[in-house]
Amino acid sequence: MHRVVALVRPVQSTFELGCAAEVFGTSRTEVPQHYEFEVCAETPGPVPTSAGYTMSVSRGLSALATADTVIIPGWAPVEAPLPARVRRALLRAHARGARLVTICSGVFALARTGLLDGRSATTHWANAERLRQEFPEVSVTPDALYVDHGDVATSAGAGAGIDLCLHLVRQDHGAAHAALLARHMVMPPHRDGGQAQYVPPPPAADELDGLLTWAGARLGTPLSVGDLAAHLNVSPRTLARRFACRLGTSPGAWLLSRRVAEARALLENTDLPVDAIAARVGLTSAVNLRRRFHTLVGTTPGAYRRAFRGSAAAG
């Protein structure tokens, strides 16, 4: 049996711990059990949780000495230091071949071991910039659901932790077993790690004298960068400087990302065919939408819709 040990700390996120427990620690009569699941803490005893109750953890860091996979299901607050004893235990586990896995903010603990230096990693999109600033040696990939290097793996927001855990099951025991487990969990059997996170559209605040609101209401029209510049009565070059200064992107890139964001919303909330969605967001054809969508989101519109609807049904 493959031993999976989750390292928890106060205040522990119950959802992130639950992601790991559901995949590795829940017995199901029709699903072969290949894993043993255990929880440990630096100091055994009562551990407060984000849900308001306290859980009792009987095992200490010695549990990591025989773990095949160590999971860090969140690390809150993210600025909390990594205790020296915990760091040593994680490094020893890794050195003898254990796989170290993080869910959401757990990446901050793993980054403090140095094991992510010079490697790519992901986390919840809201924490990506903080991770990049605090750990400049880590190549932060904010638009991925998970990143797996074999010996270390990181996932995005809490729900992506399930995707990563199912991916690890697929790596360990094959696609058929992972699909069987996912079916019992009422989850999509597979979401590729390169698929972009479900990032919300940009903040509603319009930093360009009403231009963003004006353009957002006209996505279905053949809107160009020249049209955006003309609306503000400036040159395209001036507009580009304003976008770069205030939004950190170009007008064309913003317009495309806004159209794709609207397409995502329509895929999530309507049953419109892809060609109709393409027309509504100003991408003219299903072929163009699929190409642009895959470039920015990392998957196809159809696969995105199926995965989103599957995740919503599971929730």
C-alpha atoms as a PDB file:
ATOM      1  CA  MET A   1       0.000   0.000   0.000  1.00  0.00           C
ATOM      2  CA  HIS A   2       1.184   3.486  -0.926  1.00  0.00           C
ATOM      3  CA  ARG A   3       1.311   5.633   2.237  1.00  0.00           C
ATOM      4  CA  VAL A   4      -0.031   9.164   1.868  1.00  0.00           C
ATOM      5  CA  VAL A   5       0.494  11.512   4.812  1.00  0.00           C
ATOM      6  CA  ALA A   6      -1.081  14.970   4.994  1.00  0.00           C
ATOM      7  CA  LEU A   7       0.832  17.525   7.042  1.00  0.00           C
ATOM      8  CA  VAL A   8      -1.636  19.896   8.725  1.00  0.00           C
ATOM      9  CA  ARG A   9      -1.193  23.042  10.778  1.00  0.00           C
ATOM     10  CA  PRO A  10      -3.437  25.466  12.649  1.00  0.00           C
ATOM     11  CA  VAL A  11      -5.653  26.881  11.250  1.00  0.00           C
ATOM     12  CA  GLN A  12      -6.154  24.008   8.796  1.00  0.00           C
ATOM     13  CA  SER A  13      -8.383  24.370   5.738  1.00  0.00           C
ATOM     14  CA  THR A  14     -10.946  21.587   5.893  1.00  0.00           C
ATOM     15  CA  PHE A  15     -11.684  21.683   2.166  1.00  0.00           C
ATOM     16  CA  GLU A  16      -8.071  21.338   1.069  1.00  0.00           C
ATOM     17  CA  LEU A  17      -7.486  18.500   3.521  1.00  0.00           C
ATOM     18  CA  GLY A  18     -10.760  16.976   2.332  1.00  0.00           C
ATOM     19  CA  CYS A  19      -9.530  16.976  -1.282  1.00  0.00           C
ATOM     20  CA  ALA A  20      -6.654  14.690  -0.320  1.00  0.00           C
ATOM     21  CA  ALA A  21      -8.772  12.559   2.015  1.00  0.00           C
ATOM     22  CA  GLU A  22     -11.471  11.993  -0.609  1.00  0.00           C
ATOM     23  CA  VAL A  23      -8.986  10.773  -3.212  1.00  0.00           C
ATOM     24  CA  PHE A  24      -6.529   8.849  -1.054  1.00  0.00           C
ATOM     25  CA  GLY A  25      -8.289   8.090   2.204  1.00  0.00           C
ATOM     26  CA  THR A  26     -11.931   7.262   1.495  1.00  0.00           C
ATOM     27  CA  SER A  27     -12.824   3.583   1.164  1.00  0.00           C
ATOM     28  CA  ARG A  28     -15.306   2.761  -1.617  1.00  0.00           C
ATOM     29  CA  THR A  29     -16.666  -0.756  -2.006  1.00  0.00           C
ATOM     30  CA  GLU A  30     -16.408  -0.808  -5.808  1.00  0.00           C
ATOM     31  CA  VAL A  31     -13.021   0.893  -6.042  1.00  0.00           C
ATOM     32  CA  PRO A  32      -9.802  -1.036  -5.228  1.00  0.00           C
ATOM     33  CA  GLN A  33      -7.961   0.618  -2.348  1.00  0.00           C
ATOM     34  CA  HIS A  34      -4.313   1.275  -3.193  1.00  0.00           C
ATOM     35  CA  TYR A  35      -3.528   3.914  -0.576  1.00  0.00           C
ATOM     36  CA  GLU A  36      -3.227   4.294   3.179  1.00  0.00           C
ATOM     37  CA  PHE A  37      -4.001   7.815   4.352  1.00  0.00           C
ATOM     38  CA  GLU A  38      -2.877   9.483   7.546  1.00  0.00           C
ATOM     39  CA  VAL A  39      -2.687  12.975   9.015  1.00  0.00           C
ATOM     40  CA  CYS A  40       0.174  14.393  11.048  1.00  0.00           C
ATOM     41  CA  ALA A  41       1.170  17.702  12.601  1.00  0.00           C
ATOM     42  CA  GLU A  42       4.346  19.234  13.979  1.00  0.00           C
ATOM     43  CA  THR A  43       2.786  19.047  17.429  1.00  0.00           C
ATOM     44  CA  PRO A  44       0.247  16.198  17.863  1.00  0.00           C
ATOM     45  CA  GLY A  45      -2.982  17.078  19.589  1.00  0.00           C
ATOM     46  CA  PRO A  46      -5.887  19.429  18.852  1.00  0.00           C
ATOM     47  CA  VAL A  47      -5.592  21.377  15.590  1.00  0.00           C
ATOM     48  CA  PRO A  48      -8.065  24.221  14.935  1.00  0.00           C
ATOM     49  CA  THR A  49      -9.685  24.279  11.501  1.00  0.00           C
ATOM     50  CA  SER A  50     -11.077  26.939   9.204  1.00  0.00           C
ATOM     51  CA  ALA A  51     -14.558  25.479   9.730  1.00  0.00           C
ATOM     52  CA  GLY A  52     -14.574  26.434  13.397  1.00  0.00           C
ATOM     53  CA  TYR A  53     -14.074  23.009  14.946  1.00  0.00           C
ATOM     54  CA  THR A  54     -10.920  21.377  16.270  1.00  0.00           C
ATOM     55  CA  MET A  55      -9.653  18.047  14.996  1.00  0.00           C
ATOM     56  CA  SER A  56      -7.485  15.656  16.968  1.00  0.00           C
ATOM     57  CA  VAL A  57      -4.205  14.651  15.284  1.00  0.00           C
ATOM     58  CA  SER A  58      -2.362  11.792  16.972  1.00  0.00           C
ATOM     59  CA  ARG A  59       0.755  11.570  14.773  1.00  0.00           C
ATOM     60  CA  GLY A  60       3.748  13.883  14.736  1.00  0.00           C
ATOM     61  CA  LEU A  61       6.460  14.464  12.160  1.00  0.00           C
ATOM     62  CA  SER A  62       7.728  10.897  12.550  1.00  0.00           C
ATOM     63  CA  ALA A  63       4.831   9.885  10.258  1.00  0.00           C
ATOM     64  CA  LEU A  64       6.708  11.512   7.358  1.00  0.00           C
ATOM     65  CA  ALA A  65       9.603   9.079   7.767  1.00  0.00           C
ATOM     66  CA  THR A  66       7.658   6.267   6.090  1.00  0.00           C
ATOM     67  CA  ALA A  67       5.419   8.278   3.739  1.00  0.00           C
ATOM     68  CA  ASP A  68       5.479   7.601   0.007  1.00  0.00           C
ATOM     69  CA  THR A  69       3.604  10.841  -0.674  1.00  0.00           C
ATOM     70  CA  VAL A  70       3.498  13.882   1.597  1.00  0.00           C
ATOM     71  CA  ILE A  71       0.685  16.365   1.015  1.00  0.00           C
ATOM     72  CA  ILE A  72       0.642  19.925   2.347  1.00  0.00           C
ATOM     73  CA  PRO A  73      -3.071  20.833   2.056  1.00  0.00           C
ATOM     74  CA  GLY A  74      -2.793  24.600   2.331  1.00  0.00           C
ATOM     75  CA  TRP A  75      -0.622  26.894   4.424  1.00  0.00           C
ATOM     76  CA  ALA A  76      -2.465  29.710   6.160  1.00  0.00           C
ATOM     77  CA  PRO A  77      -1.540  32.402   6.536  1.00  0.00           C
ATOM     78  CA  VAL A  78       0.805  32.179   3.566  1.00  0.00           C
ATOM     79  CA  GLU A  79       3.388  34.356   5.325  1.00  0.00           C
ATOM     80  CA  ALA A  80       3.668  31.901   8.230  1.00  0.00           C
ATOM     81  CA  PRO A  81       7.288  30.711   8.498  1.00  0.00           C
ATOM     82  CA  LEU A  82       8.204  27.075   7.967  1.00  0.00           C
ATOM     83  CA  PRO A  83       9.444  25.710  11.318  1.00  0.00           C
ATOM     84  CA  ALA A  84      12.957  24.305  11.167  1.00  0.00           C
ATOM     85  CA  ARG A  85      11.780  20.879  12.367  1.00  0.00           C
ATOM     86  CA  VAL A  86       9.157  20.716   9.627  1.00  0.00           C
ATOM     87  CA  ARG A  87      11.623  21.823   6.975  1.00  0.00           C
ATOM     88  CA  ARG A  88      14.104  19.136   7.990  1.00  0.00           C
ATOM     89  CA  ALA A  89      11.382  16.470   8.008  1.00  0.00           C
ATOM     90  CA  LEU A  90      10.204  17.454   4.523  1.00  0.00           C
ATOM     91  CA  LEU A  91      13.735  17.495   3.132  1.00  0.00           C
ATOM     92  CA  ARG A  92      14.498  14.086   4.655  1.00  0.00           C
ATOM     93  CA  ALA A  93      11.309  12.650   3.173  1.00  0.00           C
ATOM     94  CA  HIS A  94      12.172  14.042  -0.245  1.00  0.00           C
ATOM     95  CA  ALA A  95      15.782  12.817  -0.032  1.00  0.00           C
ATOM     96  CA  ARG A  96      14.678   9.221   0.505  1.00  0.00           C
ATOM     97  CA  GLY A  97      12.261   9.399  -2.456  1.00  0.00           C
ATOM     98  CA  ALA A  98       8.922  10.566  -1.081  1.00  0.00           C
ATOM     99  CA  ARG A  99       6.759  12.662  -3.405  1.00  0.00           C
ATOM    100  CA  LEU A 100       5.925  16.124  -1.982  1.00  0.00           C
ATOM    101  CA  VAL A 101       2.577  17.567  -3.083  1.00  0.00           C
ATOM    102  CA  THR A 102       0.909  20.878  -2.273  1.00  0.00           C
ATOM    103  CA  ILE A 103      -2.655  22.067  -2.595  1.00  0.00           C
ATOM    104  CA  CYS A 104      -3.281  25.779  -3.136  1.00  0.00           C
ATOM    105  CA  SER A 105      -1.321  27.865  -0.585  1.00  0.00           C
ATOM    106  CA  GLY A 106       0.661  24.806   0.547  1.00  0.00           C
ATOM    107  CA  VAL A 107       3.175  25.794  -2.138  1.00  0.00           C
ATOM    108  CA  PHE A 108       4.469  28.540   0.183  1.00  0.00           C
ATOM    109  CA  ALA A 109       5.646  25.910   2.665  1.00  0.00           C
ATOM    110  CA  LEU A 110       7.258  23.816  -0.049  1.00  0.00           C
ATOM    111  CA  ALA A 111       8.955  26.870  -1.562  1.00  0.00           C
ATOM    112  CA  ARG A 112      10.565  27.572   1.823  1.00  0.00           C
ATOM    113  CA  THR A 113      12.369  24.235   1.634  1.00  0.00           C
ATOM    114  CA  GLY A 114      14.202  25.403  -1.509  1.00  0.00           C
ATOM    115  CA  LEU A 115      13.008  22.369  -3.467  1.00  0.00           C
ATOM    116  CA  LEU A 116      11.142  24.563  -5.971  1.00  0.00           C
ATOM    117  CA  ASP A 117      14.108  26.801  -6.809  1.00  0.00           C
ATOM    118  CA  GLY A 118      14.724  26.782 -10.551  1.00  0.00           C
ATOM    119  CA  ARG A 119      11.471  24.903 -11.179  1.00  0.00           C
ATOM    120  CA  SER A 120       7.939  25.806 -12.169  1.00  0.00           C
ATOM    121  CA  ALA A 121       5.058  25.817  -9.689  1.00  0.00           C
ATOM    122  CA  THR A 122       1.508  27.075  -9.425  1.00  0.00           C
ATOM    123  CA  THR A 123      -0.916  28.255  -6.777  1.00  0.00           C
ATOM    124  CA  HIS A 124      -4.267  30.020  -6.566  1.00  0.00           C
ATOM    125  CA  TRP A 125      -4.271  32.916  -9.032  1.00  0.00           C
ATOM    126  CA  ALA A 126      -4.859  35.401  -6.179  1.00  0.00           C
ATOM    127  CA  ASN A 127      -1.560  34.365  -4.517  1.00  0.00           C
ATOM    128  CA  ALA A 128       0.539  33.993  -7.659  1.00  0.00           C
ATOM    129  CA  GLU A 129       2.116  37.453  -7.579  1.00  0.00           C
ATOM    130  CA  ARG A 130       2.989  37.139  -3.900  1.00  0.00           C
ATOM    131  CA  LEU A 131       4.610  33.766  -4.563  1.00  0.00           C
ATOM    132  CA  ARG A 132       6.614  35.268  -7.438  1.00  0.00           C
ATOM    133  CA  GLN A 133       7.821  38.205  -5.330  1.00  0.00           C
ATOM    134  CA  GLU A 134       8.743  36.166  -2.268  1.00  0.00           C
ATOM    135  CA  PHE A 135      10.454  33.365  -4.196  1.00  0.00           C
ATOM    136  CA  PRO A 136      12.103  34.848  -7.302  1.00  0.00           C
ATOM    137  CA  GLU A 137      13.945  31.565  -7.942  1.00  0.00           C
ATOM    138  CA  VAL A 138      10.620  29.807  -8.526  1.00  0.00           C
ATOM    139  CA  SER A 139       9.060  30.034 -11.993  1.00  0.00           C
ATOM    140  CA  VAL A 140       5.437  30.775 -11.103  1.00  0.00           C
ATOM    141  CA  THR A 141       2.849  29.476 -13.579  1.00  0.00           C
ATOM    142  CA  PRO A 142      -0.375  31.221 -12.502  1.00  0.00           C
ATOM    143  CA  ASP A 143      -2.536  29.946 -15.379  1.00  0.00           C
ATOM    144  CA  ALA A 144      -2.148  26.192 -14.714  1.00  0.00           C
ATOM    145  CA  LEU A 145      -4.325  23.870 -12.649  1.00  0.00           C
ATOM    146  CA  TYR A 146      -1.318  21.902 -11.459  1.00  0.00           C
ATOM    147  CA  VAL A 147       2.369  21.331 -12.187  1.00  0.00           C
ATOM    148  CA  ASP A 148       3.910  17.900 -11.640  1.00  0.00           C
ATOM    149  CA  HIS A 149       7.670  17.316 -11.695  1.00  0.00           C
ATOM    150  CA  GLY A 150       7.427  13.747 -10.433  1.00  0.00           C
ATOM    151  CA  ASP A 151       9.137  14.315  -7.073  1.00  0.00           C
ATOM    152  CA  VAL A 152       7.284  17.561  -6.312  1.00  0.00           C
ATOM    153  CA  ALA A 153       3.867  18.734  -7.502  1.00  0.00           C
ATOM    154  CA  THR A 154       1.810  21.865  -6.877  1.00  0.00           C
ATOM    155  CA  SER A 155      -1.812  22.756  -7.553  1.00  0.00           C
ATOM    156  CA  ALA A 156      -3.842  25.919  -7.961  1.00  0.00           C
ATOM    157  CA  GLY A 157      -6.955  26.867  -5.961  1.00  0.00           C
ATOM    158  CA  ALA A 158      -8.424  24.286  -3.621  1.00  0.00           C
ATOM    159  CA  GLY A 159     -10.636  22.576  -6.226  1.00  0.00           C
ATOM    160  CA  ALA A 160      -7.601  22.056  -8.461  1.00  0.00           C
ATOM    161  CA  GLY A 161      -6.159  19.980  -5.634  1.00  0.00           C
ATOM    162  CA  ILE A 162      -8.641  17.259  -6.556  1.00  0.00           C
ATOM    163  CA  ASP A 163      -7.472  17.442 -10.172  1.00  0.00           C
ATOM    164  CA  LEU A 164      -3.866  17.020  -9.059  1.00  0.00           C
ATOM    165  CA  CYS A 165      -4.691  14.145  -6.711  1.00  0.00           C
ATOM    166  CA  LEU A 166      -6.600  12.329  -9.469  1.00  0.00           C
ATOM    167  CA  HIS A 167      -3.670  12.986 -11.805  1.00  0.00           C
ATOM    168  CA  LEU A 168      -1.345  11.323  -9.279  1.00  0.00           C
ATOM    169  CA  VAL A 169      -3.677   8.325  -9.056  1.00  0.00           C
ATOM    170  CA  ARG A 170      -3.609   8.143 -12.844  1.00  0.00           C
ATOM    171  CA  GLN A 171       0.190   8.218 -12.769  1.00  0.00           C
ATOM    172  CA  ASP A 172       0.323   5.521 -10.076  1.00  0.00           C
ATOM    173  CA  HIS A 173      -2.393   3.120 -11.227  1.00  0.00           C
ATOM    174  CA  GLY A 174      -3.474   4.092 -14.739  1.00  0.00           C
ATOM    175  CA  ALA A 175      -6.256   6.048 -16.403  1.00  0.00           C
ATOM    176  CA  ALA A 176      -8.939   3.376 -15.940  1.00  0.00           C
ATOM    177  CA  HIS A 177      -8.557   3.272 -12.168  1.00  0.00           C
ATOM    178  CA  ALA A 178      -8.457   7.079 -11.921  1.00  0.00           C
ATOM    179  CA  ALA A 179     -11.609   7.316 -14.075  1.00  0.00           C
ATOM    180  CA  LEU A 180     -13.389   4.789 -11.857  1.00  0.00           C
ATOM    181  CA  LEU A 181     -12.492   6.777  -8.766  1.00  0.00           C
ATOM    182  CA  ALA A 182     -13.520  10.063 -10.396  1.00  0.00           C
ATOM    183  CA  ARG A 183     -16.868   8.577 -11.411  1.00  0.00           C
ATOM    184  CA  HIS A 184     -17.581   7.603  -7.805  1.00  0.00           C
ATOM    185  CA  MET A 185     -16.614  11.119  -6.736  1.00  0.00           C
ATOM    186  CA  VAL A 186     -18.850  12.610  -9.480  1.00  0.00           C
ATOM    187  CA  MET A 187     -15.853  14.486 -10.825  1.00  0.00           C
ATOM    188  CA  PRO A 188     -14.503  15.057 -14.345  1.00  0.00           C
ATOM    189  CA  PRO A 189     -12.124  12.120 -14.922  1.00  0.00           C
ATOM    190  CA  HIS A 190      -9.348  14.354 -16.174  1.00  0.00           C
ATOM    191  CA  ARG A 191      -8.503  18.024 -16.442  1.00  0.00           C
ATOM    192  CA  ASP A 192      -5.090  18.569 -17.904  1.00  0.00           C
ATOM    193  CA  GLY A 193      -2.649  20.468 -15.703  1.00  0.00           C
ATOM    194  CA  GLY A 194      -2.008  22.989 -18.455  1.00  0.00           C
ATOM    195  CA  GLN A 195      -5.649  24.030 -18.532  1.00  0.00           C
ATOM    196  CA  ALA A 196      -6.019  27.554 -17.232  1.00  0.00           C
ATOM    197  CA  GLN A 197      -7.602  28.290 -13.891  1.00  0.00           C
ATOM    198  CA  TYR A 198     -11.147  29.657 -13.790  1.00  0.00           C
ATOM    199  CA  VAL A 199      -9.895  33.201 -13.334  1.00  0.00           C
ATOM    200  CA  PRO A 200     -12.626  35.843 -12.946  1.00  0.00           C
ATOM    201  CA  PRO A 201     -12.743  38.787 -15.338  1.00  0.00           C
ATOM    202  CA  PRO A 202     -10.741  41.905 -14.461  1.00  0.00           C
ATOM    203  CA  PRO A 203     -12.022  44.236 -11.719  1.00  0.00           C
ATOM    204  CA  ALA A 204     -14.969  46.385 -12.635  1.00  0.00           C
ATOM    205  CA  ALA A 205     -13.068  49.604 -11.949  1.00  0.00           C
ATOM    206  CA  ASP A 206     -12.412  51.321 -15.277  1.00  0.00           C
ATOM    207  CA  GLU A 207      -8.931  52.838 -15.266  1.00  0.00           C
ATOM    208  CA  LEU A 208      -9.100  54.293 -18.776  1.00  0.00           C
ATOM    209  CA  ASP A 209     -11.761  57.006 -18.697  1.00  0.00           C
ATOM    210  CA  GLY A 210     -14.658  54.657 -19.367  1.00  0.00           C
ATOM    211  CA  LEU A 211     -13.004  52.910 -22.316  1.00  0.00           C
ATOM    212  CA  LEU A 212     -13.069  49.418 -20.775  1.00  0.00           C
ATOM    213  CA  THR A 213     -16.759  49.658 -20.010  1.00  0.00           C
ATOM    214  CA  TRP A 214     -17.489  51.048 -23.470  1.00  0.00           C
ATOM    215  CA  ALA A 215     -15.504  48.294 -25.204  1.00  0.00           C
ATOM    216  CA  GLY A 216     -16.927  45.571 -22.967  1.00  0.00           C
ATOM    217  CA  ALA A 217     -20.433  46.474 -24.096  1.00  0.00           C
ATOM    218  CA  ARG A 218     -19.401  46.152 -27.763  1.00  0.00           C
ATOM    219  CA  LEU A 219     -17.504  42.858 -27.840  1.00  0.00           C
ATOM    220  CA  GLY A 220     -19.844  41.453 -30.478  1.00  0.00           C
ATOM    221  CA  THR A 221     -18.842  44.127 -32.961  1.00  0.00           C
ATOM    222  CA  PRO A 222     -15.686  44.144 -35.149  1.00  0.00           C
ATOM    223  CA  LEU A 223     -13.910  46.319 -32.597  1.00  0.00           C
ATOM    224  CA  SER A 224     -10.256  47.142 -33.324  1.00  0.00           C
ATOM    225  CA  VAL A 225      -7.419  48.817 -31.454  1.00  0.00           C
ATOM    226  CA  GLY A 226      -7.933  51.807 -33.749  1.00  0.00           C
ATOM    227  CA  ASP A 227     -11.554  52.007 -32.602  1.00  0.00           C
ATOM    228  CA  LEU A 228     -10.418  52.007 -28.961  1.00  0.00           C
ATOM    229  CA  ALA A 229      -7.950  54.812 -29.641  1.00  0.00           C
ATOM    230  CA  ALA A 230     -10.527  56.819 -31.575  1.00  0.00           C
ATOM    231  CA  HIS A 231     -12.994  56.553 -28.692  1.00  0.00           C
ATOM    232  CA  LEU A 232     -10.479  58.325 -26.424  1.00  0.00           C
ATOM    233  CA  ASN A 233      -9.393  60.627 -29.255  1.00  0.00           C
ATOM    234  CA  VAL A 234      -5.755  59.529 -28.944  1.00  0.00           C
ATOM    235  CA  SER A 235      -3.309  57.779 -31.251  1.00  0.00           C
ATOM    236  CA  PRO A 236      -2.895  53.980 -31.084  1.00  0.00           C
ATOM    237  CA  ARG A 237       0.643  54.568 -29.778  1.00  0.00           C
ATOM    238  CA  THR A 238      -0.615  56.753 -26.945  1.00  0.00           C
ATOM    239  CA  LEU A 239      -3.302  54.219 -26.144  1.00  0.00           C
ATOM    240  CA  ALA A 240      -0.668  51.458 -26.012  1.00  0.00           C
ATOM    241  CA  ARG A 241       1.365  53.482 -23.502  1.00  0.00           C
ATOM    242  CA  ARG A 242      -1.691  54.026 -21.298  1.00  0.00           C
ATOM    243  CA  PHE A 243      -2.585  50.320 -21.357  1.00  0.00           C
ATOM    244  CA  ALA A 244       0.978  49.326 -20.521  1.00  0.00           C
ATOM    245  CA  CYS A 245       1.166  51.824 -17.659  1.00  0.00           C
ATOM    246  CA  ARG A 246      -2.234  51.180 -16.100  1.00  0.00           C
ATOM    247  CA  LEU A 247      -3.035  47.566 -16.986  1.00  0.00           C
ATOM    248  CA  GLY A 248       0.345  46.050 -17.783  1.00  0.00           C
ATOM    249  CA  THR A 249      -0.776  44.755 -21.174  1.00  0.00           C
ATOM    250  CA  SER A 250      -1.443  45.921 -24.732  1.00  0.00           C
ATOM    251  CA  PRO A 251      -4.850  47.053 -26.080  1.00  0.00           C
ATOM    252  CA  GLY A 252      -5.006  44.100 -28.472  1.00  0.00           C
ATOM    253  CA  ALA A 253      -4.138  41.557 -25.764  1.00  0.00           C
ATOM    254  CA  TRP A 254      -6.694  43.092 -23.397  1.00  0.00           C
ATOM    255  CA  LEU A 255      -9.416  43.021 -26.039  1.00  0.00           C
ATOM    256  CA  LEU A 256      -8.715  39.369 -26.861  1.00  0.00           C
ATOM    257  CA  SER A 257      -8.607  38.318 -23.208  1.00  0.00           C
ATOM    258  CA  ARG A 258     -11.887  40.179 -22.578  1.00  0.00           C
ATOM    259  CA  ARG A 259     -13.533  38.350 -25.501  1.00  0.00           C
ATOM    260  CA  VAL A 260     -12.290  34.988 -24.290  1.00  0.00           C
ATOM    261  CA  ALA A 261     -13.444  35.788 -20.745  1.00  0.00           C
ATOM    262  CA  GLU A 262     -16.925  36.534 -22.095  1.00  0.00           C
ATOM    263  CA  ALA A 263     -16.829  33.287 -24.079  1.00  0.00           C
ATOM    264  CA  ARG A 264     -16.001  31.404 -20.878  1.00  0.00           C
ATOM    265  CA  ALA A 265     -18.984  32.975 -19.125  1.00  0.00           C
ATOM    266  CA  LEU A 266     -21.295  31.971 -21.992  1.00  0.00           C
ATOM    267  CA  LEU A 267     -19.915  28.411 -21.981  1.00  0.00           C
ATOM    268  CA  GLU A 268     -20.516  28.199 -18.245  1.00  0.00           C
ATOM    269  CA  ASN A 269     -24.000  29.721 -18.151  1.00  0.00           C
ATOM    270  CA  THR A 270     -25.665  28.958 -21.496  1.00  0.00           C
ATOM    271  CA  ASP A 271     -26.142  26.099 -23.947  1.00  0.00           C
ATOM    272  CA  LEU A 272     -25.349  28.256 -26.967  1.00  0.00           C
ATOM    273  CA  PRO A 273     -23.348  26.465 -29.689  1.00  0.00           C
ATOM    274  CA  VAL A 274     -19.738  27.469 -30.126  1.00  0.00           C
ATOM    275  CA  ASP A 275     -20.337  29.341 -33.389  1.00  0.00           C
ATOM    276  CA  ALA A 276     -23.055  31.464 -31.763  1.00  0.00           C
ATOM    277  CA  ILE A 277     -20.743  32.264 -28.847  1.00  0.00           C
ATOM    278  CA  ALA A 278     -17.974  33.192 -31.268  1.00  0.00           C
ATOM    279  CA  ALA A 279     -20.285  35.691 -32.953  1.00  0.00           C
ATOM    280  CA  ARG A 280     -21.433  37.160 -29.641  1.00  0.00           C
ATOM    281  CA  VAL A 281     -17.901  37.855 -28.439  1.00  0.00           C
ATOM    282  CA  GLY A 282     -16.571  39.207 -31.742  1.00  0.00           C
ATOM    283  CA  LEU A 283     -14.356  36.255 -32.707  1.00  0.00           C
ATOM    284  CA  THR A 284     -16.397  35.742 -35.905  1.00  0.00           C
ATOM    285  CA  SER A 285     -16.172  31.953 -36.265  1.00  0.00           C
ATOM    286  CA  ALA A 286     -16.030  28.760 -34.238  1.00  0.00           C
ATOM    287  CA  VAL A 287     -12.612  27.995 -35.724  1.00  0.00           C
ATOM    288  CA  ASN A 288     -11.211  31.334 -34.571  1.00  0.00           C
ATOM    289  CA  LEU A 289     -12.764  30.979 -31.126  1.00  0.00           C
ATOM    290  CA  ARG A 290     -11.316  27.474 -30.686  1.00  0.00           C
ATOM    291  CA  ARG A 291      -7.860  28.663 -31.684  1.00  0.00           C
ATOM    292  CA  ARG A 292      -7.886  31.756 -29.472  1.00  0.00           C
ATOM    293  CA  PHE A 293      -9.529  29.893 -26.598  1.00  0.00           C
ATOM    294  CA  HIS A 294      -6.942  27.117 -26.672  1.00  0.00           C
ATOM    295  CA  THR A 295      -4.108  29.651 -26.708  1.00  0.00           C
ATOM    296  CA  LEU A 296      -5.364  31.538 -23.633  1.00  0.00           C
ATOM    297  CA  VAL A 297      -7.152  28.835 -21.659  1.00  0.00           C
ATOM    298  CA  GLY A 298      -5.229  25.720 -22.660  1.00  0.00           C
ATOM    299  CA  THR A 299      -8.223  23.647 -23.675  1.00  0.00           C
ATOM    300  CA  THR A 300     -11.094  23.657 -26.177  1.00  0.00           C
ATOM    301  CA  PRO A 301     -14.444  25.395 -25.621  1.00  0.00           C
ATOM    302  CA  GLY A 302     -16.225  22.035 -25.588  1.00  0.00           C
ATOM    303  CA  ALA A 303     -13.840  20.477 -23.079  1.00  0.00           C
ATOM    304  CA  TYR A 304     -14.044  23.606 -20.930  1.00  0.00           C
ATOM    305  CA  ARG A 305     -17.831  23.469 -20.859  1.00  0.00           C
ATOM    306  CA  ARG A 306     -17.862  19.765 -19.964  1.00  0.00           C
ATOM    307  CA  ALA A 307     -15.285  20.211 -17.211  1.00  0.00           C
ATOM    308  CA  PHE A 308     -17.040  23.266 -15.764  1.00  0.00           C
ATOM    309  CA  ARG A 309     -20.451  21.617 -15.782  1.00  0.00           C
ATOM    310  CA  GLY A 310     -18.971  18.467 -14.252  1.00  0.00           C
ATOM    311  CA  SER A 311     -17.289  20.431 -11.482  1.00  0.00           C
ATOM    312  CA  ALA A 312     -20.475  22.401 -10.808  1.00  0.00           C
ATOM    313  CA  ALA A 313     -22.514  19.200 -10.582  1.00  0.00           C
ATOM    314  CA  ALA A 314     -19.994  17.695  -8.167  1.00  0.00           C
ATOM    315  CA  GLY A 315     -20.193  20.767  -5.952  1.00  0.00           C
END
